[in-house]
């Protein structure tokens, strides 16, 4: 009985943080030189155009476990403008969503010369997303529910917009983004489904150290869902080492929610908050990039001891011949 209660608590606990993930879920893939994936203002902000392909898989021994694939491209389209596109496919059990986002960004340079980084950016992404609910296996028990048809795959599409701003000054950066700005009504689940999917993201970081030895990059990401007031924070630390062939890097990310779920622990009621520990390693070789991320859910309430695996592949194109004179891996 105790085991069943823990599994139920885990389902409720993780579902609370999965249901808010309309659009592209905010995992730790942004740490794989992929800030454009969550901040539209980063489209074209770097010295190079960037292609990034990510694949994420959770709980390999669980049927219909969550998985996510994204493909993004962004770069400059003029002296002050940037553009990008994101394709994604997200699946979680009977629920899935896929979509495309198009981004336009505008960059204001306040630099004294071409190698001095002082850039303020604004960006907007417009996207079309299709949500899907597979009900074909819902009635295997024979129980009747008037809300569930049980023989169809429900689909519904909606349009939404993300807006944001970024500031990159030498070795410092900050980003602010509002995702799903427009209230959107979908009829795929029930008439009581919220039409407010807005999420707020704030992130900042600073790079210090000796570029001929090791660079250190502490950063934070705060996110909040408006409708449910769910909040979480990422505390990250990455290290970079420049070599003859390129760059090797690694880091550690810790995510903790401000909200928790209660569960029965023996004769007492305990409370647990969402906690992820995520190590990450990567390498840049010439114009190519590879990164591997492993996320481990910690705490007493969880499905199993398995983790979440993610691979990121990248290519940098059309790079400017002169780099900025700063410790800024996301820009240079």
Protein backbone atom coordinates (compact mmCIF):
# COMPACT_ATOMS: atom_id res chain seq x y z
CA UNK A 1 0.00 0.00 0.00
CA UNK A 2 2.82 2.37 0.91
CA UNK A 3 4.49 1.66 -2.44
CA UNK A 4 1.28 2.50 -4.33
CA UNK A 5 0.89 5.75 -2.39
CA UNK A 6 4.44 6.79 -3.31
CA UNK A 7 3.81 6.06 -7.00
CA UNK A 8 0.56 8.05 -6.90
CA UNK A 9 2.34 10.97 -5.25
CA UNK A 10 5.07 10.80 -7.91
CA UNK A 11 2.46 10.88 -10.67
CA UNK A 12 0.72 13.92 -9.17
CA UNK A 13 4.03 15.61 -8.41
CA UNK A 14 5.58 15.21 -11.85
CA UNK A 15 2.32 15.81 -13.70
CA UNK A 16 2.00 19.23 -12.06
CA UNK A 17 5.28 20.24 -13.65
CA UNK A 18 4.61 18.54 -16.99
CA UNK A 19 1.17 20.02 -17.60
CA UNK A 20 2.59 23.54 -17.52
CA UNK A 21 4.99 22.64 -20.32
CA UNK A 22 2.88 23.86 -23.23
CA UNK A 23 5.15 24.56 -26.15
CA UNK A 24 8.77 23.48 -25.76
CA UNK A 25 9.44 22.24 -22.21
CA UNK A 26 12.15 24.13 -20.33
CA UNK A 27 14.71 21.47 -19.47
CA UNK A 28 18.47 21.97 -19.22
CA UNK A 29 19.14 21.87 -22.99
CA UNK A 30 19.72 25.64 -23.03
CA UNK A 31 23.04 24.94 -21.31
CA UNK A 32 24.24 23.15 -24.47
CA UNK A 33 24.99 26.48 -26.17
CA UNK A 34 21.29 26.72 -27.02
CA UNK A 35 19.86 29.80 -25.28
CA UNK A 36 17.88 30.61 -28.43
CA UNK A 37 15.67 27.58 -27.67
CA UNK A 38 14.10 29.41 -24.69
CA UNK A 39 14.93 33.07 -25.38
CA UNK A 40 13.80 34.45 -28.80
CA UNK A 41 15.97 37.55 -28.37
CA UNK A 42 19.07 35.36 -28.84
CA UNK A 43 18.24 34.71 -32.50
CA UNK A 44 21.24 36.03 -34.44
CA UNK A 45 22.93 37.40 -31.32
CA UNK A 46 26.10 35.33 -31.75
CA UNK A 47 29.03 35.65 -34.14
CA UNK A 48 27.91 32.54 -36.02
CA UNK A 49 24.65 31.12 -37.31
CA UNK A 50 23.82 28.02 -35.27
CA UNK A 51 22.09 24.74 -36.01
CA UNK A 52 21.20 22.66 -32.94
CA UNK A 53 19.57 19.22 -32.84
CA UNK A 54 18.55 17.78 -29.48
CA UNK A 55 17.07 14.45 -28.45
CA UNK A 56 15.86 13.75 -24.91
CA UNK A 57 14.57 10.47 -23.52
CA UNK A 58 13.34 9.69 -20.02
CA UNK A 59 12.94 6.36 -18.24
CA UNK A 60 14.11 3.90 -20.90
CA UNK A 61 12.43 1.00 -19.07
CA UNK A 62 9.02 2.74 -18.97
CA UNK A 63 6.53 2.41 -21.82
CA UNK A 64 5.42 5.74 -23.35
CA UNK A 65 8.03 7.61 -21.29
CA UNK A 66 8.47 11.34 -22.02
CA UNK A 67 10.71 12.23 -24.95
CA UNK A 68 11.52 15.43 -26.80
CA UNK A 69 13.25 16.28 -30.07
CA UNK A 70 14.07 19.82 -31.24
CA UNK A 71 15.76 21.22 -34.33
CA UNK A 72 16.65 24.91 -34.41
CA UNK A 73 18.48 27.33 -36.68
CA UNK A 74 19.23 30.99 -36.02
CA UNK A 75 21.55 33.63 -37.40
CA UNK A 76 21.94 37.22 -38.59
CA UNK A 77 19.92 38.40 -41.57
CA UNK A 78 21.30 41.93 -41.60
CA UNK A 79 23.51 44.28 -39.64
CA UNK A 80 21.01 44.59 -36.79
CA UNK A 81 18.46 41.81 -37.41
CA UNK A 82 18.37 38.13 -36.58
CA UNK A 83 15.99 35.32 -37.47
CA UNK A 84 15.41 31.74 -36.51
CA UNK A 85 13.18 28.70 -36.74
CA UNK A 86 12.46 25.90 -34.26
CA UNK A 87 10.80 22.54 -34.96
CA UNK A 88 9.88 20.31 -32.03
CA UNK A 89 8.13 17.05 -31.15
CA UNK A 90 7.22 16.39 -27.52
CA UNK A 91 5.55 13.19 -26.28
CA UNK A 92 4.46 12.21 -22.78
CA UNK A 93 2.37 9.04 -22.57
CA UNK A 94 -0.97 9.55 -24.33
CA UNK A 95 -0.28 13.27 -24.70
CA UNK A 96 1.91 14.75 -27.43
CA UNK A 97 2.55 18.07 -29.08
CA UNK A 98 4.49 19.19 -32.11
CA UNK A 99 5.02 22.58 -33.59
CA UNK A 100 7.08 25.18 -35.40
CA UNK A 101 8.22 28.64 -34.27
CA UNK A 102 9.53 31.51 -36.40
CA UNK A 103 11.61 34.20 -34.73
CA UNK A 104 12.64 37.77 -35.51
CA UNK A 105 15.14 39.63 -33.32
CA UNK A 106 16.57 43.14 -33.38
CA UNK A 107 20.01 43.90 -31.94
CA UNK A 108 21.24 47.31 -30.78
CA UNK A 109 25.01 47.66 -30.46
CA UNK A 110 26.46 50.25 -28.09
CA UNK A 111 30.04 49.12 -28.62
CA UNK A 112 32.98 51.46 -29.10
CA UNK A 113 34.40 49.20 -31.83
CA UNK A 114 33.76 45.86 -33.57
CA UNK A 115 35.33 43.71 -30.84
CA UNK A 116 33.71 45.40 -27.83
CA UNK A 117 30.51 43.55 -26.86
CA UNK A 118 27.69 45.73 -25.57
CA UNK A 119 24.47 44.49 -27.15
CA UNK A 120 20.79 44.90 -26.27
CA UNK A 121 18.43 42.54 -28.10
CA UNK A 122 14.69 42.15 -28.51
CA UNK A 123 12.98 39.13 -30.02
CA UNK A 124 9.60 37.64 -30.80
CA UNK A 125 8.67 34.10 -31.81
CA UNK A 126 5.34 33.20 -33.41
CA UNK A 127 4.44 29.55 -33.38
CA UNK A 128 1.78 27.06 -34.42
CA UNK A 129 1.41 24.10 -32.05
CA UNK A 130 -0.71 20.97 -32.40
CA UNK A 131 -1.70 19.12 -29.23
CA UNK A 132 -2.83 15.50 -29.41
CA UNK A 133 -4.54 13.13 -26.98
CA UNK A 134 -4.74 9.42 -27.84
CA UNK A 135 -7.90 8.00 -26.24
CA UNK A 136 -7.89 4.67 -28.08
CA UNK A 137 -6.59 2.73 -25.05
CA UNK A 138 -8.59 4.54 -22.36
CA UNK A 139 -11.48 2.08 -22.14
CA UNK A 140 -9.69 -1.22 -21.84
CA UNK A 141 -11.28 -1.78 -18.42
CA UNK A 142 -14.78 -1.36 -19.84
CA UNK A 143 -15.70 1.48 -17.48
CA UNK A 144 -17.84 4.25 -18.96
CA UNK A 145 -16.88 7.90 -18.79
CA UNK A 146 -19.01 10.40 -20.75
CA UNK A 147 -16.04 12.73 -21.28
CA UNK A 148 -13.91 10.03 -22.92
CA UNK A 149 -14.82 8.78 -26.39
CA UNK A 150 -12.26 6.00 -26.23
CA UNK A 151 -12.06 5.45 -29.98
CA UNK A 152 -10.43 8.60 -31.35
CA UNK A 153 -7.20 10.56 -31.31
CA UNK A 154 -8.16 14.11 -30.42
CA UNK A 155 -6.19 16.93 -32.05
CA UNK A 156 -6.31 20.68 -31.70
CA UNK A 157 -3.99 23.40 -32.98
CA UNK A 158 -3.37 26.87 -31.63
CA UNK A 159 -1.23 29.91 -32.32
CA UNK A 160 0.88 31.69 -29.73
CA UNK A 161 3.70 34.18 -29.30
CA UNK A 162 6.85 34.44 -27.14
CA UNK A 163 8.58 37.78 -26.52
CA UNK A 164 11.84 38.58 -24.81
CA UNK A 165 14.91 40.75 -24.34
CA UNK A 166 18.61 40.03 -23.80
CA UNK A 167 21.58 42.10 -22.74
CA UNK A 168 25.15 40.94 -23.42
CA UNK A 169 27.89 43.15 -22.00
CA UNK A 170 31.43 41.74 -22.19
CA UNK A 171 31.44 38.75 -19.79
CA UNK A 172 27.92 39.34 -18.39
CA UNK A 173 24.54 38.40 -19.86
CA UNK A 174 20.88 38.56 -18.83
CA UNK A 175 17.66 37.38 -20.49
CA UNK A 176 13.94 37.85 -19.85
CA UNK A 177 11.21 36.04 -21.79
CA UNK A 178 7.44 35.67 -21.62
CA UNK A 179 6.25 32.49 -23.29
CA UNK A 180 2.70 31.92 -24.59
CA UNK A 181 1.71 35.58 -24.31
CA UNK A 182 -1.70 35.16 -25.97
CA UNK A 183 -4.57 33.51 -24.09
CA UNK A 184 -5.55 30.50 -26.16
CA UNK A 185 -8.62 28.29 -25.90
CA UNK A 186 -8.17 24.61 -26.76
CA UNK A 187 -10.95 22.02 -26.61
CA UNK A 188 -8.79 18.92 -26.61
CA UNK A 189 -9.23 18.04 -22.93
CA UNK A 190 -12.26 19.55 -21.17
CA UNK A 191 -14.14 22.83 -21.14
CA UNK A 192 -12.43 23.63 -17.83
CA UNK A 193 -8.95 23.74 -19.33
CA UNK A 194 -7.20 27.03 -18.72
CA UNK A 195 -6.57 29.35 -21.66
CA UNK A 196 -3.69 31.04 -19.81
CA UNK A 197 -0.42 29.26 -20.65
CA UNK A 198 1.92 32.16 -19.86
CA UNK A 199 5.33 31.37 -18.40
CA UNK A 200 8.01 33.86 -17.32
CA UNK A 201 11.74 33.16 -17.63
CA UNK A 202 14.60 35.19 -16.16
CA UNK A 203 18.22 34.16 -16.50
CA UNK A 204 21.63 35.71 -15.94
CA UNK A 205 25.26 34.67 -15.81
CA UNK A 206 28.85 35.85 -15.70
CA UNK A 207 32.05 34.31 -17.09
CA UNK A 208 35.38 34.80 -15.35
CA UNK A 209 38.84 33.26 -15.31
CA UNK A 210 41.78 32.98 -17.67
CA UNK A 211 40.85 32.06 -21.26
CA UNK A 212 44.26 30.40 -21.67
CA UNK A 213 43.52 28.15 -18.69
CA UNK A 214 39.94 27.65 -17.44
CA UNK A 215 36.85 29.84 -17.72
CA UNK A 216 34.08 29.56 -15.12
CA UNK A 217 30.45 30.44 -15.79
CA UNK A 218 27.95 30.56 -12.89
CA UNK A 219 24.37 31.26 -13.98
CA UNK A 220 20.78 31.06 -12.79
CA UNK A 221 17.41 30.53 -14.48
CA UNK A 222 14.13 31.38 -12.76
CA UNK A 223 10.79 30.32 -14.22
CA UNK A 224 7.20 30.89 -13.14
CA UNK A 225 3.86 29.70 -14.54
CA UNK A 226 1.29 32.48 -14.21
CA UNK A 227 -1.91 30.43 -13.87
CA UNK A 228 -0.71 27.99 -11.20
CA UNK A 229 1.99 30.24 -9.68
CA UNK A 230 4.47 27.34 -9.93
CA UNK A 231 8.05 28.52 -9.56
CA UNK A 232 11.45 26.87 -9.96
CA UNK A 233 15.08 27.92 -10.13
CA UNK A 234 18.17 26.48 -11.83
CA UNK A 235 21.58 27.10 -10.31
CA UNK A 236 24.32 26.28 -12.81
CA UNK A 237 28.10 26.20 -13.00
CA UNK A 238 30.04 25.47 -16.20
CA UNK A 239 33.77 25.33 -16.90
CA UNK A 240 35.50 25.79 -20.28
CA UNK A 241 38.99 24.79 -21.42
CA UNK A 242 40.32 26.03 -24.76
CA UNK A 243 42.51 23.55 -26.66
CA UNK A 244 44.26 23.49 -30.03
CA UNK A 245 41.35 21.73 -31.77
CA UNK A 246 38.56 23.71 -30.09
CA UNK A 247 37.04 23.67 -26.63
CA UNK A 248 35.98 21.14 -24.02
CA UNK A 249 33.53 22.04 -21.30
CA UNK A 250 31.37 20.58 -18.56
CA UNK A 251 29.09 21.66 -15.80
CA UNK A 252 26.51 20.91 -13.19
CA UNK A 253 22.94 22.20 -12.90
CA UNK A 254 20.64 21.98 -9.88
CA UNK A 255 16.92 22.61 -10.31
CA UNK A 256 14.60 23.05 -7.34
CA UNK A 257 10.96 24.02 -7.25
CA UNK A 258 9.44 26.42 -4.75
CA UNK A 259 6.36 24.19 -4.53
CA UNK A 260 6.01 20.64 -3.24
CA UNK A 261 3.78 17.58 -3.00
CA UNK A 262 2.72 15.80 0.19
CA UNK A 263 2.96 12.03 0.60
CA UNK A 264 2.54 9.49 3.41
CA UNK A 265 5.84 8.39 4.91
CA UNK A 266 5.10 5.70 7.48
CA UNK A 267 2.81 7.29 10.04
CA UNK A 268 3.65 10.83 9.08
CA UNK A 269 2.98 13.14 6.12
CA UNK A 270 6.11 14.37 4.37
CA UNK A 271 6.55 17.03 1.71
CA UNK A 272 8.93 16.90 -1.21
CA UNK A 273 9.93 19.53 -3.73
CA UNK A 274 11.02 18.83 -7.29
CA UNK A 275 14.81 18.48 -7.48
CA UNK A 276 16.99 17.67 -10.49
CA UNK A 277 20.75 17.17 -10.56
CA UNK A 278 22.12 17.53 -14.09
CA UNK A 279 25.76 17.03 -15.09
CA UNK A 280 26.68 18.02 -18.63
CA UNK A 281 29.76 17.54 -20.81
CA UNK A 282 30.49 18.92 -24.24
CA UNK A 283 33.12 19.55 -26.88
CA UNK A 284 33.51 22.07 -29.72
CA UNK A 285 35.62 20.78 -32.60
CA UNK A 286 36.13 23.32 -35.37
CA UNK A 287 32.55 24.22 -36.40
CA UNK A 288 30.94 21.20 -34.75
CA UNK A 289 29.53 20.78 -31.25
CA UNK A 290 28.51 17.70 -29.24
CA UNK A 291 27.02 17.63 -25.75
CA UNK A 292 25.62 14.97 -23.44
CA UNK A 293 23.33 15.75 -20.52
CA UNK A 294 22.13 13.42 -17.77
CA UNK A 295 19.41 14.49 -15.34
CA UNK A 296 18.69 12.63 -12.11
CA UNK A 297 15.53 13.21 -10.11
CA UNK A 298 16.34 13.20 -6.39
CA UNK A 299 14.12 12.64 -3.38
CA UNK A 300 12.08 9.82 -1.83
CA UNK A 301 9.22 10.00 -4.35
CA UNK A 302 10.21 8.97 -7.87
CA UNK A 303 9.41 6.26 -10.40
CA UNK A 304 12.82 4.53 -10.41
CA UNK A 305 16.53 5.17 -10.16
CA UNK A 306 16.94 5.79 -13.90
CA UNK A 307 17.82 9.19 -15.28
CA UNK A 308 16.97 11.35 -18.27
CA UNK A 309 19.43 11.33 -21.16
CA UNK A 310 19.90 14.06 -23.74
CA UNK A 311 22.24 14.47 -26.70
CA UNK A 312 22.83 17.74 -28.55
CA UNK A 313 24.52 18.05 -31.93
CA UNK A 314 25.43 21.41 -33.41
CA UNK A 315 27.06 23.16 -36.36
CA UNK A 316 28.22 26.79 -36.51
CA UNK A 317 27.97 28.49 -39.91
CA UNK A 318 28.82 31.84 -41.53
CA UNK A 319 31.03 32.92 -38.63
CA UNK A 320 32.45 36.44 -38.55
CA UNK A 321 36.24 36.52 -38.97
CA UNK A 322 36.71 38.76 -35.89
CA UNK A 323 35.48 37.64 -32.48
CA UNK A 324 34.48 39.87 -29.60
CA UNK A 325 37.14 40.57 -27.00
CA UNK A 326 35.32 38.92 -24.13
CA UNK A 327 34.80 35.67 -22.26
CA UNK A 328 31.40 34.98 -23.83
CA UNK A 329 31.03 31.39 -25.18
CA UNK A 330 27.38 31.89 -26.15
CA UNK A 331 28.32 34.83 -28.40
CA UNK A 332 31.82 34.00 -29.70
